[in-house]
PDB file of N, CA and C in Angstrom:
ATOM      1  N   MET A   1      48.755 -31.737-131.465  1.00  0.00           N
ATOM      2  CA  MET A   1      48.124 -32.774-130.683  1.00  0.00           C
ATOM      3  C   MET A   1      48.751 -34.114-131.023  1.00  0.00           C
ATOM      4  N   ARG A   2      48.998 -34.916-130.020  1.00  0.00           N
ATOM      5  CA  ARG A   2      49.461 -36.293-130.236  1.00  0.00           C
ATOM      6  C   ARG A   2      48.265 -37.200-130.167  1.00  0.00           C
ATOM      7  N   GLY A   3      48.294 -38.273-130.950  1.00  0.00           N
ATOM      8  CA  GLY A   3      47.085 -39.006-131.256  1.00  0.00           C
ATOM      9  C   GLY A   3      46.746 -40.230-130.465  1.00  0.00           C
ATOM     10  N   GLN A   4      45.875 -41.031-131.073  1.00  0.00           N
ATOM     11  CA  GLN A   4      45.144 -42.052-130.362  1.00  0.00           C
ATOM     12  C   GLN A   4      45.957 -43.270-129.970  1.00  0.00           C
ATOM     13  N   GLY A   5      46.882 -43.750-130.791  1.00  0.00           N
ATOM     14  CA  GLY A   5      47.644 -44.939-130.426  1.00  0.00           C
ATOM     15  C   GLY A   5      48.580 -44.675-129.274  1.00  0.00           C
ATOM     16  N   GLU A   6      49.012 -43.461-129.147  1.00  0.00           N
ATOM     17  CA  GLU A   6      49.909 -43.065-128.069  1.00  0.00           C
ATOM     18  C   GLU A   6      49.108 -42.250-127.060  1.00  0.00           C
ATOM     19  N   GLU A   7      49.775 -41.741-126.034  1.00  0.00           N
ATOM     20  CA  GLU A   7      49.054 -40.906-125.080  1.00  0.00           C
ATOM     21  C   GLU A   7      48.524 -39.673-125.801  1.00  0.00           C
ATOM     22  N   GLN A   8      47.339 -39.262-125.423  1.00  0.00           N
ATOM     23  CA  GLN A   8      46.768 -38.066-126.030  1.00  0.00           C
ATOM     24  C   GLN A   8      47.255 -36.854-125.271  1.00  0.00           C
ATOM     25  N   ARG A   9      47.708 -35.866-126.042  1.00  0.00           N
ATOM     26  CA  ARG A   9      48.227 -34.640-125.446  1.00  0.00           C
ATOM     27  C   ARG A   9      47.753 -33.473-126.299  1.00  0.00           C
ATOM     28  N   LEU A  10      47.317 -32.409-125.643  1.00  0.00           N
ATOM     29  CA  LEU A  10      46.899 -31.206-126.346  1.00  0.00           C
ATOM     30  C   LEU A  10      47.928 -30.111-126.109  1.00  0.00           C
ATOM     31  N   GLU A  11      48.143 -29.335-127.133  1.00  0.00           N
ATOM     32  CA  GLU A  11      49.057 -28.191-127.086  1.00  0.00           C
ATOM     33  C   GLU A  11      48.229 -26.918-126.967  1.00  0.00           C
ATOM     34  N   PRO A  12      48.847 -25.820-126.523  1.00  0.00           N
ATOM     35  CA  PRO A  12      48.101 -24.555-126.458  1.00  0.00           C
ATOM     36  C   PRO A  12      47.436 -24.184-127.786  1.00  0.00           C
ATOM     37  N   ALA A  13      48.077 -24.472-128.914  1.00  0.00           N
ATOM     38  CA  ALA A  13      47.487 -24.148-130.219  1.00  0.00           C
ATOM     39  C   ALA A  13      46.182 -24.918-130.444  1.00  0.00           C
ATOM     40  N   ASP A  14      46.080 -26.141-129.913  1.00  0.00           N
ATOM     41  CA  ASP A  14      44.840 -26.918-130.035  1.00  0.00           C
ATOM     42  C   ASP A  14      43.698 -26.249-129.287  1.00  0.00           C
ATOM     43  N   LEU A  15      44.049 -25.574-128.192  1.00  0.00           N
ATOM     44  CA  LEU A  15      43.052 -24.976-127.309  1.00  0.00           C
ATOM     45  C   LEU A  15      42.768 -23.518-127.636  1.00  0.00           C
ATOM     46  N   SER A  16      43.546 -22.946-128.544  1.00  0.00           N
ATOM     47  CA  SER A  16      43.458 -21.504-128.834  1.00  0.00           C
ATOM     48  C   SER A  16      43.647 -20.694-127.557  1.00  0.00           C
ATOM     49  N   GLY A  17      44.546 -21.158-126.723  1.00  0.00           N
ATOM     50  CA  GLY A  17      44.827 -20.495-125.455  1.00  0.00           C
ATOM     51  C   GLY A  17      45.936 -21.234-124.731  1.00  0.00           C
ATOM     52  N   GLU A  18      46.154 -20.871-123.496  1.00  0.00           N
ATOM     53  CA  GLU A  18      47.227 -21.470-122.712  1.00  0.00           C
ATOM     54  C   GLU A  18      46.723 -22.617-121.853  1.00  0.00           C
ATOM     55  N   LEU A  19      47.616 -23.539-121.568  1.00  0.00           N
ATOM     56  CA  LEU A  19      47.329 -24.594-120.594  1.00  0.00           C
ATOM     57  C   LEU A  19      47.378 -24.000-119.198  1.00  0.00           C
ATOM     58  N   GLY A  20      46.622 -24.581-118.287  1.00  0.00           N
ATOM     59  CA  GLY A  20      46.699 -24.150-116.900  1.00  0.00           C
ATOM     60  C   GLY A  20      48.054 -24.507-116.313  1.00  0.00           C
ATOM     61  N   GLU A  21      48.479 -23.756-115.328  1.00  0.00           N
ATOM     62  CA  GLU A  21      49.776 -23.998-114.684  1.00  0.00           C
ATOM     63  C   GLU A  21      49.847 -25.398-114.070  1.00  0.00           C
ATOM     64  N   ARG A  22      48.735 -25.858-113.487  1.00  0.00           N
ATOM     65  CA  ARG A  22      48.690 -27.181-112.854  1.00  0.00           C
ATOM     66  C   ARG A  22      47.807 -28.180-113.588  1.00  0.00           C
ATOM     67  N   ALA A  23      46.716 -27.692-114.190  1.00  0.00           N
ATOM     68  CA  ALA A  23      45.777 -28.575-114.906  1.00  0.00           C
ATOM     69  C   ALA A  23      44.852 -27.716-115.762  1.00  0.00           C
ATOM     70  N   THR A  24      44.226 -28.361-116.747  1.00  0.00           N
ATOM     71  CA  THR A  24      43.278 -27.671-117.630  1.00  0.00           C
ATOM     72  C   THR A  24      42.029 -28.532-117.775  1.00  0.00           C
ATOM     73  N   LEU A  25      40.879 -27.893-117.615  1.00  0.00           N
ATOM     74  CA  LEU A  25      39.592 -28.537-117.842  1.00  0.00           C
ATOM     75  C   LEU A  25      39.131 -28.103-119.229  1.00  0.00           C
ATOM     76  N   VAL A  26      39.066 -29.051-120.164  1.00  0.00           N
ATOM     77  CA  VAL A  26      38.683 -28.744-121.537  1.00  0.00           C
ATOM     78  C   VAL A  26      37.278 -29.276-121.771  1.00  0.00           C
ATOM     79  N   GLN A  27      36.387 -28.381-122.165  1.00  0.00           N
ATOM     80  CA  GLN A  27      34.993 -28.739-122.406  1.00  0.00           C
ATOM     81  C   GLN A  27      34.691 -28.589-123.888  1.00  0.00           C
ATOM     82  N   PHE A  28      34.147 -29.630-124.495  1.00  0.00           N
ATOM     83  CA  PHE A  28      33.649 -29.562-125.864  1.00  0.00           C
ATOM     84  C   PHE A  28      32.144 -29.357-125.789  1.00  0.00           C
ATOM     85  N   SER A  29      31.664 -28.268-126.403  1.00  0.00           N
ATOM     86  CA  SER A  29      30.259 -27.874-126.326  1.00  0.00           C
ATOM     87  C   SER A  29      29.691 -27.674-127.716  1.00  0.00           C
ATOM     88  N   SER A  30      28.361 -27.571-127.770  1.00  0.00           N
ATOM     89  CA  SER A  30      27.681 -27.167-128.990  1.00  0.00           C
ATOM     90  C   SER A  30      26.652 -26.098-128.625  1.00  0.00           C
ATOM     91  N   ALA A  31      26.248 -25.329-129.615  1.00  0.00           N
ATOM     92  CA  ALA A  31      25.445 -24.128-129.382  1.00  0.00           C
ATOM     93  C   ALA A  31      24.114 -24.385-128.677  1.00  0.00           C
ATOM     94  N   PHE A  32      23.427 -25.458-129.020  1.00  0.00           N
ATOM     95  CA  PHE A  32      22.078 -25.660-128.488  1.00  0.00           C
ATOM     96  C   PHE A  32      22.025 -26.728-127.400  1.00  0.00           C
ATOM     97  N   CYS A  33      23.117 -26.934-126.716  1.00  0.00           N
ATOM     98  CA  CYS A  33      23.244 -27.979-125.704  1.00  0.00           C
ATOM     99  C   CYS A  33      23.006 -27.380-124.315  1.00  0.00           C
ATOM    100  N   ALA A  34      21.842 -27.670-123.722  1.00  0.00           N
ATOM    101  CA  ALA A  34      21.538 -27.148-122.385  1.00  0.00           C
ATOM    102  C   ALA A  34      22.502 -27.673-121.317  1.00  0.00           C
ATOM    103  N   PRO A  35      22.851 -28.977-121.308  1.00  0.00           N
ATOM    104  CA  PRO A  35      23.815 -29.442-120.312  1.00  0.00           C
ATOM    105  C   PRO A  35      25.184 -28.777-120.459  1.00  0.00           C
ATOM    106  N   CYS A  36      25.498 -28.293-121.656  1.00  0.00           N
ATOM    107  CA  CYS A  36      26.792 -27.611-121.867  1.00  0.00           C
ATOM    108  C   CYS A  36      26.855 -26.330-121.045  1.00  0.00           C
ATOM    109  N   ARG A  37      25.748 -25.600-120.958  1.00  0.00           N
ATOM    110  CA  ARG A  37      25.732 -24.356-120.183  1.00  0.00           C
ATOM    111  C   ARG A  37      25.965 -24.643-118.703  1.00  0.00           C
ATOM    112  N   ALA A  38      25.301 -25.673-118.182  1.00  0.00           N
ATOM    113  CA  ALA A  38      25.488 -26.036-116.770  1.00  0.00           C
ATOM    114  C   ALA A  38      26.908 -26.536-116.533  1.00  0.00           C
ATOM    115  N   THR A  39      27.452 -27.288-117.480  1.00  0.00           N
ATOM    116  CA  THR A  39      28.819 -27.793-117.357  1.00  0.00           C
ATOM    117  C   THR A  39      29.807 -26.630-117.369  1.00  0.00           C
ATOM    118  N   ARG A  40      29.582 -25.659-118.238  1.00  0.00           N
ATOM    119  CA  ARG A  40      30.451 -24.473-118.313  1.00  0.00           C
ATOM    120  C   ARG A  40      30.504 -23.763-116.958  1.00  0.00           C
ATOM    121  N   ARG A  41      29.339 -23.637-116.339  1.00  0.00           N
ATOM    122  CA  ARG A  41      29.258 -22.975-115.032  1.00  0.00           C
ATOM    123  C   ARG A  41      30.017 -23.783-113.971  1.00  0.00           C
ATOM    124  N   THR A  42      29.798 -25.103-113.941  1.00  0.00           N
ATOM    125  CA  THR A  42      30.462 -25.964-112.954  1.00  0.00           C
ATOM    126  C   THR A  42      31.976 -25.930-113.119  1.00  0.00           C
ATOM    127  N   LEU A  43      32.450 -26.093-114.350  1.00  0.00           N
ATOM    128  CA  LEU A  43      33.897 -26.106-114.582  1.00  0.00           C
ATOM    129  C   LEU A  43      34.523 -24.751-114.278  1.00  0.00           C
ATOM    130  N   GLY A  44      33.818 -23.677-114.606  1.00  0.00           N
ATOM    131  CA  GLY A  44      34.311 -22.339-114.285  1.00  0.00           C
ATOM    132  C   GLY A  44      34.445 -22.134-112.788  1.00  0.00           C
ATOM    133  N   GLU A  45      33.468 -22.612-112.027  1.00  0.00           N
ATOM    134  CA  GLU A  45      33.521 -22.493-110.566  1.00  0.00           C
ATOM    135  C   GLU A  45      34.679 -23.294-109.990  1.00  0.00           C
ATOM    136  N   VAL A  46      34.881 -24.514-110.475  1.00  0.00           N
ATOM    137  CA  VAL A  46      35.981 -25.352-109.974  1.00  0.00           C
ATOM    138  C   VAL A  46      37.322 -24.721-110.329  1.00  0.00           C
ATOM    139  N   ALA A  47      37.454 -24.233-111.558  1.00  0.00           N
ATOM    140  CA  ALA A  47      38.715 -23.595-111.971  1.00  0.00           C
ATOM    141  C   ALA A  47      39.012 -22.368-111.115  1.00  0.00           C
ATOM    142  N   ALA A  48      37.979 -21.628-110.739  1.00  0.00           N
ATOM    143  CA  ALA A  48      38.173 -20.449-109.888  1.00  0.00           C
ATOM    144  C   ALA A  48      38.571 -20.837-108.466  1.00  0.00           C
ATOM    145  N   MET A  49      38.150 -22.013-108.023  1.00  0.00           N
ATOM    146  CA  MET A  49      38.441 -22.477-106.654  1.00  0.00           C
ATOM    147  C   MET A  49      39.838 -23.047-106.513  1.00  0.00           C
ATOM    148  N   VAL A  50      40.369 -23.658-107.558  1.00  0.00           N
ATOM    149  CA  VAL A  50      41.627 -24.400-107.464  1.00  0.00           C
ATOM    150  C   VAL A  50      42.734 -23.621-108.176  1.00  0.00           C
ATOM    151  N   PRO A  51      43.721 -23.140-107.432  1.00  0.00           N
ATOM    152  CA  PRO A  51      44.804 -22.364-108.042  1.00  0.00           C
ATOM    153  C   PRO A  51      45.544 -23.161-109.126  1.00  0.00           C
ATOM    154  N   GLY A  52      45.842 -22.482-110.232  1.00  0.00           N
ATOM    155  CA  GLY A  52      46.615 -23.099-111.303  1.00  0.00           C
ATOM    156  C   GLY A  52      45.796 -23.925-112.270  1.00  0.00           C
ATOM    157  N   VAL A  53      44.459 -23.919-112.115  1.00  0.00           N
ATOM    158  CA  VAL A  53      43.581 -24.687-113.009  1.00  0.00           C
ATOM    159  C   VAL A  53      42.856 -23.717-113.932  1.00  0.00           C
ATOM    160  N   THR A  54      42.834 -24.053-115.221  1.00  0.00           N
ATOM    161  CA  THR A  54      42.181 -23.236-116.242  1.00  0.00           C
ATOM    162  C   THR A  54      41.042 -24.027-116.869  1.00  0.00           C
ATOM    163  N   HIS A  55      39.979 -23.313-117.238  1.00  0.00           N
ATOM    164  CA  HIS A  55      38.851 -23.926-117.956  1.00  0.00           C
ATOM    165  C   HIS A  55      38.832 -23.369-119.371  1.00  0.00           C
ATOM    166  N   VAL A  56      38.783 -24.266-120.359  1.00  0.00           N
ATOM    167  CA  VAL A  56      38.717 -23.881-121.764  1.00  0.00           C
ATOM    168  C   VAL A  56      37.474 -24.521-122.368  1.00  0.00           C
ATOM    169  N   ASP A  57      36.638 -23.709-123.004  1.00  0.00           N
ATOM    170  CA  ASP A  57      35.428 -24.205-123.660  1.00  0.00           C
ATOM    171  C   ASP A  57      35.658 -24.156-125.163  1.00  0.00           C
ATOM    172  N   ILE A  58      35.507 -25.301-125.831  1.00  0.00           N
ATOM    173  CA  ILE A  58      35.748 -25.403-127.272  1.00  0.00           C
ATOM    174  C   ILE A  58      34.429 -25.716-127.979  1.00  0.00           C
ATOM    175  N   ASP A  59      34.118 -24.932-128.988  1.00  0.00           N
ATOM    176  CA  ASP A  59      32.926 -25.166-129.817  1.00  0.00           C
ATOM    177  C   ASP A  59      33.222 -26.363-130.718  1.00  0.00           C
ATOM    178  N   ALA A  60      32.554 -27.471-130.442  1.00  0.00           N
ATOM    179  CA  ALA A  60      32.813 -28.717-131.167  1.00  0.00           C
ATOM    180  C   ALA A  60      32.586 -28.557-132.669  1.00  0.00           C
ATOM    181  N   GLU A  61      31.553 -27.830-133.041  1.00  0.00           N
ATOM    182  CA  GLU A  61      31.231 -27.670-134.464  1.00  0.00           C
ATOM    183  C   GLU A  61      32.294 -26.870-135.208  1.00  0.00           C
ATOM    184  N   ALA A  62      32.956 -25.962-134.530  1.00  0.00           N
ATOM    185  CA  ALA A  62      33.980 -25.131-135.159  1.00  0.00           C
ATOM    186  C   ALA A  62      35.359 -25.800-135.170  1.00  0.00           C
ATOM    187  N   HIS A  63      35.493 -26.904-134.464  1.00  0.00           N
ATOM    188  CA  HIS A  63      36.786 -27.595-134.355  1.00  0.00           C
ATOM    189  C   HIS A  63      36.624 -29.090-134.655  1.00  0.00           C
ATOM    190  N   LEU A  64      36.014 -29.396-135.792  1.00  0.00           N
ATOM    191  CA  LEU A  64      35.689 -30.780-136.124  1.00  0.00           C
ATOM    192  C   LEU A  64      36.910 -31.682-136.250  1.00  0.00           C
ATOM    193  N   SER A  65      38.022 -31.163-136.752  1.00  0.00           N
ATOM    194  CA  SER A  65      39.210 -32.021-136.878  1.00  0.00           C
ATOM    195  C   SER A  65      39.718 -32.449-135.503  1.00  0.00           C
ATOM    196  N   LEU A  66      39.692 -31.549-134.530  1.00  0.00           N
ATOM    197  CA  LEU A  66      40.111 -31.884-133.161  1.00  0.00           C
ATOM    198  C   LEU A  66      39.116 -32.862-132.531  1.00  0.00           C
ATOM    199  N   VAL A  67      37.826 -32.628-132.749  1.00  0.00           N
ATOM    200  CA  VAL A  67      36.780 -33.513-132.233  1.00  0.00           C
ATOM    201  C   VAL A  67      36.985 -34.929-132.761  1.00  0.00           C
ATOM    202  N   ARG A  68      37.242 -35.046-134.059  1.00  0.00           N
ATOM    203  CA  ARG A  68      37.461 -36.369-134.661  1.00  0.00           C
ATOM    204  C   ARG A  68      38.735 -37.014-134.127  1.00  0.00           C
ATOM    205  N   ALA A  69      39.795 -36.240-134.019  1.00  0.00           N
ATOM    206  CA  ALA A  69      41.074 -36.782-133.552  1.00  0.00           C
ATOM    207  C   ALA A  69      40.973 -37.314-132.126  1.00  0.00           C
ATOM    208  N   LEU A  70      40.136 -36.677-131.313  1.00  0.00           N
ATOM    209  CA  LEU A  70      39.984 -37.081-129.914  1.00  0.00           C
ATOM    210  C   LEU A  70      38.846 -38.080-129.704  1.00  0.00           C
ATOM    211  N   GLY A  71      38.082 -38.369-130.751  1.00  0.00           N
ATOM    212  CA  GLY A  71      36.979 -39.314-130.613  1.00  0.00           C
ATOM    213  C   GLY A  71      35.824 -38.777-129.789  1.00  0.00           C
ATOM    214  N   ILE A  72      35.578 -37.473-129.861  1.00  0.00           N
ATOM    215  CA  ILE A  72      34.459 -36.862-129.139  1.00  0.00           C
ATOM    216  C   ILE A  72      33.183 -37.192-129.916  1.00  0.00           C
ATOM    217  N   VAL A  73      32.193 -37.801-129.256  1.00  0.00           N
ATOM    218  CA  VAL A  73      30.966 -38.192-129.951  1.00  0.00           C
ATOM    219  C   VAL A  73      29.716 -37.483-129.420  1.00  0.00           C
ATOM    220  N   ARG A  74      29.828 -36.781-128.292  1.00  0.00           N
ATOM    221  CA  ARG A  74      28.674 -36.042-127.775  1.00  0.00           C
ATOM    222  C   ARG A  74      29.148 -34.846-126.971  1.00  0.00           C
ATOM    223  N   THR A  75      28.225 -33.908-126.783  1.00  0.00           N
ATOM    224  CA  THR A  75      28.532 -32.751-125.957  1.00  0.00           C
ATOM    225  C   THR A  75      27.550 -32.720-124.795  1.00  0.00           C
ATOM    226  N   PRO A  76      28.004 -32.278-123.628  1.00  0.00           N
ATOM    227  CA  PRO A  76      29.373 -31.888-123.357  1.00  0.00           C
ATOM    228  C   PRO A  76      30.280 -33.108-123.133  1.00  0.00           C
ATOM    229  N   THR A  77      31.505 -32.970-123.549  1.00  0.00           N
ATOM    230  CA  THR A  77      32.564 -33.908-123.180  1.00  0.00           C
ATOM    231  C   THR A  77      33.642 -33.085-122.507  1.00  0.00           C
ATOM    232  N   VAL A  78      34.140 -33.580-121.377  1.00  0.00           N
ATOM    233  CA  VAL A  78      35.159 -32.874-120.611  1.00  0.00           C
ATOM    234  C   VAL A  78      36.422 -33.717-120.587  1.00  0.00           C
ATOM    235  N   LEU A  79      37.548 -33.067-120.889  1.00  0.00           N
ATOM    236  CA  LEU A  79      38.861 -33.690-120.759  1.00  0.00           C
ATOM    237  C   LEU A  79      39.590 -32.995-119.627  1.00  0.00           C
ATOM    238  N   VAL A  80      40.264 -33.764-118.789  1.00  0.00           N
ATOM    239  CA  VAL A  80      41.107 -33.202-117.746  1.00  0.00           C
ATOM    240  C   VAL A  80      42.552 -33.421-118.192  1.00  0.00           C
ATOM    241  N   LEU A  81      43.275 -32.312-118.341  1.00  0.00           N
ATOM    242  CA  LEU A  81      44.668 -32.364-118.775  1.00  0.00           C
ATOM    243  C   LEU A  81      45.585 -32.050-117.604  1.00  0.00           C
ATOM    244  N   ASP A  82      46.742 -32.719-117.564  1.00  0.00           N
ATOM    245  CA  ASP A  82      47.735 -32.348-116.559  1.00  0.00           C
ATOM    246  C   ASP A  82      48.501 -31.123-117.055  1.00  0.00           C
ATOM    247  N   ALA A  83      49.500 -30.680-116.314  1.00  0.00           N
ATOM    248  CA  ALA A  83      50.231 -29.463-116.658  1.00  0.00           C
ATOM    249  C   ALA A  83      50.931 -29.564-118.011  1.00  0.00           C
ATOM    250  N   ALA A  84      51.274 -30.776-118.442  1.00  0.00           N
ATOM    251  CA  ALA A  84      51.947 -30.978-119.728  1.00  0.00           C
ATOM    252  C   ALA A  84      50.963 -31.147-120.878  1.00  0.00           C
ATOM    253  N   GLY A  85      49.659 -31.101-120.593  1.00  0.00           N
ATOM    254  CA  GLY A  85      48.651 -31.226-121.637  1.00  0.00           C
ATOM    255  C   GLY A  85      48.214 -32.652-121.924  1.00  0.00           C
ATOM    256  N   ARG A  86      48.676 -33.623-121.107  1.00  0.00           N
ATOM    257  CA  ARG A  86      48.255 -35.018-121.297  1.00  0.00           C
ATOM    258  C   ARG A  86      46.840 -35.208-120.776  1.00  0.00           C
ATOM    259  N   VAL A  87      46.034 -35.947-121.538  1.00  0.00           N
ATOM    260  CA  VAL A  87      44.663 -36.255-121.124  1.00  0.00           C
ATOM    261  C   VAL A  87      44.733 -37.335-120.045  1.00  0.00           C
ATOM    262  N   VAL A  88      44.319 -36.985-118.824  1.00  0.00           N
ATOM    263  CA  VAL A  88      44.350 -37.956-117.724  1.00  0.00           C
ATOM    264  C   VAL A  88      42.961 -38.514-117.402  1.00  0.00           C
ATOM    265  N   ARG A  89      41.905 -37.779-117.773  1.00  0.00           N
ATOM    266  CA  ARG A  89      40.532 -38.251-117.576  1.00  0.00           C
ATOM    267  C   ARG A  89      39.653 -37.639-118.642  1.00  0.00           C
ATOM    268  N   ARG A  90      38.581 -38.352-118.978  1.00  0.00           N
ATOM    269  CA  ARG A  90      37.585 -37.809-119.892  1.00  0.00           C
ATOM    270  C   ARG A  90      36.225 -38.336-119.481  1.00  0.00           C
ATOM    271  N   ALA A  91      35.205 -37.520-119.709  1.00  0.00           N
ATOM    272  CA  ALA A  91      33.846 -37.917-119.372  1.00  0.00           C
ATOM    273  C   ALA A  91      32.876 -37.211-120.300  1.00  0.00           C
ATOM    274  N   ALA A  92      31.832 -37.921-120.701  1.00  0.00           N
ATOM    275  CA  ALA A  92      30.778 -37.327-121.509  1.00  0.00           C
ATOM    276  C   ALA A  92      29.567 -37.091-120.618  1.00  0.00           C
ATOM    277  N   GLY A  93      28.842 -36.031-120.900  1.00  0.00           N
ATOM    278  CA  GLY A  93      27.677 -35.688-120.097  1.00  0.00           C
ATOM    279  C   GLY A  93      28.005 -34.622-119.070  1.00  0.00           C
ATOM    280  N   GLN A  94      26.984 -34.167-118.386  1.00  0.00           N
ATOM    281  CA  GLN A  94      27.139 -33.097-117.402  1.00  0.00           C
ATOM    282  C   GLN A  94      27.746 -33.642-116.105  1.00  0.00           C
ATOM    283  N   PRO A  95      28.929 -33.165-115.731  1.00  0.00           N
ATOM    284  CA  PRO A  95      29.570 -33.688-114.511  1.00  0.00           C
ATOM    285  C   PRO A  95      29.070 -32.995-113.246  1.00  0.00           C
ATOM    286  N   ARG A  96      29.194 -33.701-112.156  1.00  0.00           N
ATOM    287  CA  ARG A  96      28.929 -33.088-110.847  1.00  0.00           C
ATOM    288  C   ARG A  96      30.221 -32.444-110.368  1.00  0.00           C
ATOM    289  N   ARG A  97      30.089 -31.398-109.579  1.00  0.00           N
ATOM    290  CA  ARG A  97      31.263 -30.673-109.084  1.00  0.00           C
ATOM    291  C   ARG A  97      32.232 -31.612-108.348  1.00  0.00           C
ATOM    292  N   ALA A  98      31.699 -32.509-107.519  1.00  0.00           N
ATOM    293  CA  ALA A  98      32.553 -33.437-106.760  1.00  0.00           C
ATOM    294  C   ALA A  98      33.344 -34.347-107.692  1.00  0.00           C
ATOM    295  N   ASP A  99      32.729 -34.766-108.803  1.00  0.00           N
ATOM    296  CA  ASP A  99      33.432 -35.625-109.763  1.00  0.00           C
ATOM    297  C   ASP A  99      34.562 -34.866-110.462  1.00  0.00           C
ATOM    298  N   VAL A 100      34.322 -33.591-110.763  1.00  0.00           N
ATOM    299  CA  VAL A 100      35.363 -32.769-111.409  1.00  0.00           C
ATOM    300  C   VAL A 100      36.541 -32.590-110.458  1.00  0.00           C
ATOM    301  N   ILE A 101      36.248 -32.320-109.203  1.00  0.00           N
ATOM    302  CA  ILE A 101      37.317 -32.131-108.214  1.00  0.00           C
ATOM    303  C   ILE A 101      38.104 -33.436-108.042  1.00  0.00           C
ATOM    304  N   ALA A 102      37.420 -34.566-108.001  1.00  0.00           N
ATOM    305  CA  ALA A 102      38.099 -35.860-107.882  1.00  0.00           C
ATOM    306  C   ALA A 102      38.985 -36.127-109.104  1.00  0.00           C
ATOM    307  N   ALA A 103      38.478 -35.817-110.301  1.00  0.00           N
ATOM    308  CA  ALA A 103      39.256 -36.029-111.521  1.00  0.00           C
ATOM    309  C   ALA A 103      40.485 -35.126-111.545  1.00  0.00           C
ATOM    310  N   LEU A 104      40.355 -33.939-111.025  1.00  0.00           N
ATOM    311  CA  LEU A 104      41.505 -33.033-110.962  1.00  0.00           C
ATOM    312  C   LEU A 104      42.622 -33.611-110.085  1.00  0.00           C
ATOM    313  N   GLY A 105      42.241 -34.385-109.088  1.00  0.00           N
ATOM    314  CA  GLY A 105      43.236 -35.011-108.219  1.00  0.00           C
ATOM    315  C   GLY A 105      44.220 -35.864-109.002  1.00  0.00           C
ATOM    316  N   GLU A 106      43.782 -36.479-110.083  1.00  0.00           N
ATOM    317  CA  GLU A 106      44.673 -37.299-110.915  1.00  0.00           C
ATOM    318  C   GLU A 106      45.643 -36.432-111.705  1.00  0.00           C
ATOM    319  N   ALA A 107      45.231 -35.229-112.040  1.00  0.00           N
ATOM    320  CA  ALA A 107      46.072 -34.339-112.849  1.00  0.00           C
ATOM    321  C   ALA A 107      47.061 -33.561-112.001  1.00  0.00           C
ATOM    322  N   LEU A 108      46.707 -33.315-110.760  1.00  0.00           N
ATOM    323  CA  LEU A 108      47.565 -32.499-109.897  1.00  0.00           C
ATOM    324  C   LEU A 108      48.541 -33.407-109.218  1.00  0.00           C
TER     325      LEU A 108
END
């Protein structure tokens, strides 16, 4: 991962998986977070609708070093990555489907 003073970029190793061909929706969640479950469902639906987009859900408590490096302070937090893994948008809280689709427009 490249850090805060420069552009933030995540690598597949940071995600424990692959980046999407066109974009990746990265969700930071915690076990007892009700909005995280709804966010997981929304992001999964959007990823299924848009070719080349992947959804990755990361347990914030199990990845504290990544959470700290990215400045994640609450769950859910969603990062939208472009095909190269650069963070192009971020939002905390439960997103609406229309907002996720609009944010993807910046990554695609």
